[in-house]
Protein backbone atom coordinates (compact mmCIF):
# COMPACT_ATOMS: atom_id res chain seq x y z
CA MET A 1 45.89 95.72 80.85
CA GLU A 2 44.80 96.30 84.48
CA ALA A 3 45.59 93.75 87.14
CA ILE A 4 42.62 91.93 88.59
CA ASN A 5 42.48 90.11 92.02
CA VAL A 6 40.60 86.86 91.37
CA THR A 7 40.81 85.55 95.03
CA ASN A 8 37.40 86.83 95.88
CA ILE A 9 35.61 86.34 92.54
CA SER A 10 33.14 83.60 91.59
CA PRO A 11 33.85 81.31 88.64
CA VAL A 12 30.85 82.80 86.83
CA GLU A 13 32.17 86.31 87.32
CA LEU A 14 35.54 85.33 86.02
CA LEU A 15 34.13 83.58 83.10
CA GLU A 16 32.06 86.87 82.35
CA MET A 17 35.25 89.12 82.79
CA ILE A 18 37.08 86.77 80.27
CA ARG A 19 34.15 86.92 77.67
CA SER A 20 34.02 90.72 77.96
CA VAL A 21 37.92 91.03 77.19
CA ILE A 22 37.49 88.67 74.21
CA ARG A 23 34.37 90.56 72.89
CA SER A 24 36.49 93.68 73.16
CA GLU A 25 39.44 92.27 71.38
CA ILE A 26 37.24 91.01 68.55
CA GLN A 27 35.43 94.21 68.13
CA SER A 28 38.63 96.12 67.97
CA THR A 29 40.04 93.48 65.29
CA SER A 30 37.14 93.52 63.15
CA SER A 31 36.74 97.26 63.24
CA GLY A 32 39.95 97.51 61.46
CA ASN A 33 40.73 97.19 57.66
CA ASP A 34 42.14 93.47 57.91
CA GLN A 35 39.99 91.72 55.35
CA SER A 36 41.56 88.37 55.79
CA ILE A 37 39.75 87.85 59.10
CA THR A 38 36.40 88.30 57.41
CA LYS A 39 36.72 85.94 54.52
CA PRO A 40 35.20 82.53 55.08
CA LEU A 41 37.91 80.05 56.17
CA THR A 42 38.30 76.38 54.94
CA GLY A 43 38.16 73.71 57.50
CA LYS A 44 41.95 73.28 57.39
CA GLU A 45 42.42 77.15 58.02
CA LEU A 46 39.89 77.05 60.91
CA CYS A 47 41.63 73.98 62.33
CA ASP A 48 44.97 75.68 62.26
CA TYR A 49 43.40 78.86 63.70
CA LEU A 50 41.73 76.94 66.57
CA SER A 51 44.71 74.31 67.05
CA ILE A 52 42.10 71.54 66.67
CA SER A 53 42.10 68.44 64.27
CA GLU A 54 39.84 68.14 61.16
CA PRO A 55 37.97 65.07 63.03
CA THR A 56 37.26 67.41 65.98
CA LEU A 57 36.08 70.23 63.67
CA SER A 58 33.82 67.69 61.99
CA ARG A 59 32.27 66.66 65.51
CA TYR A 60 31.75 70.24 66.45
CA ARG A 61 29.94 71.04 63.17
CA LYS A 62 27.80 67.90 63.48
CA LYS A 63 26.94 68.73 67.14
CA GLY A 64 26.12 72.54 66.23
CA LYS A 65 29.05 73.83 68.30
CA ILE A 66 30.49 75.65 65.33
CA PRO A 67 28.46 77.75 62.77
CA PHE A 68 29.30 76.86 59.19
CA LEU A 69 28.26 77.76 55.54
CA THR A 70 27.87 75.45 52.86
CA ILE A 71 28.93 76.45 49.33
CA GLY A 72 28.09 73.42 46.93
CA ASP A 73 29.41 70.48 48.86
CA GLN A 74 32.07 72.44 50.74
CA TYR A 75 32.03 73.88 54.09
CA ARG A 76 33.20 77.36 55.01
CA TYR A 77 33.52 79.28 58.31
CA ASP A 78 33.07 82.78 59.33
CA ILE A 79 35.68 83.33 61.94
CA ASN A 80 33.92 86.14 63.82
CA GLU A 81 30.75 83.84 64.20
CA VAL A 82 32.79 80.89 65.16
CA VAL A 83 34.58 82.99 67.94
CA TRP A 84 31.31 84.28 69.29
CA LYS A 85 29.74 80.95 69.29
CA ILE A 86 32.70 79.25 71.23
CA HIS A 87 32.95 82.08 73.73
């Protein structure tokens, strides 16, 4: 990774640089053969992945901050969609 001088950069430019790096990493990860990243996650799995509590996940879901799927009465989460929505 190259060094970046952030002393003369605006917060908006810095945020866009960070988003760009995250997108690049996600694309390189999702283009591989790792099937575990594409399976829908349970709430507990997503909480562990994001290091958040289940009540926080519930709040995020209710406020529309995290996309989810419903399968019957259970919630599942596509990690790729969640990461894109958060970042």
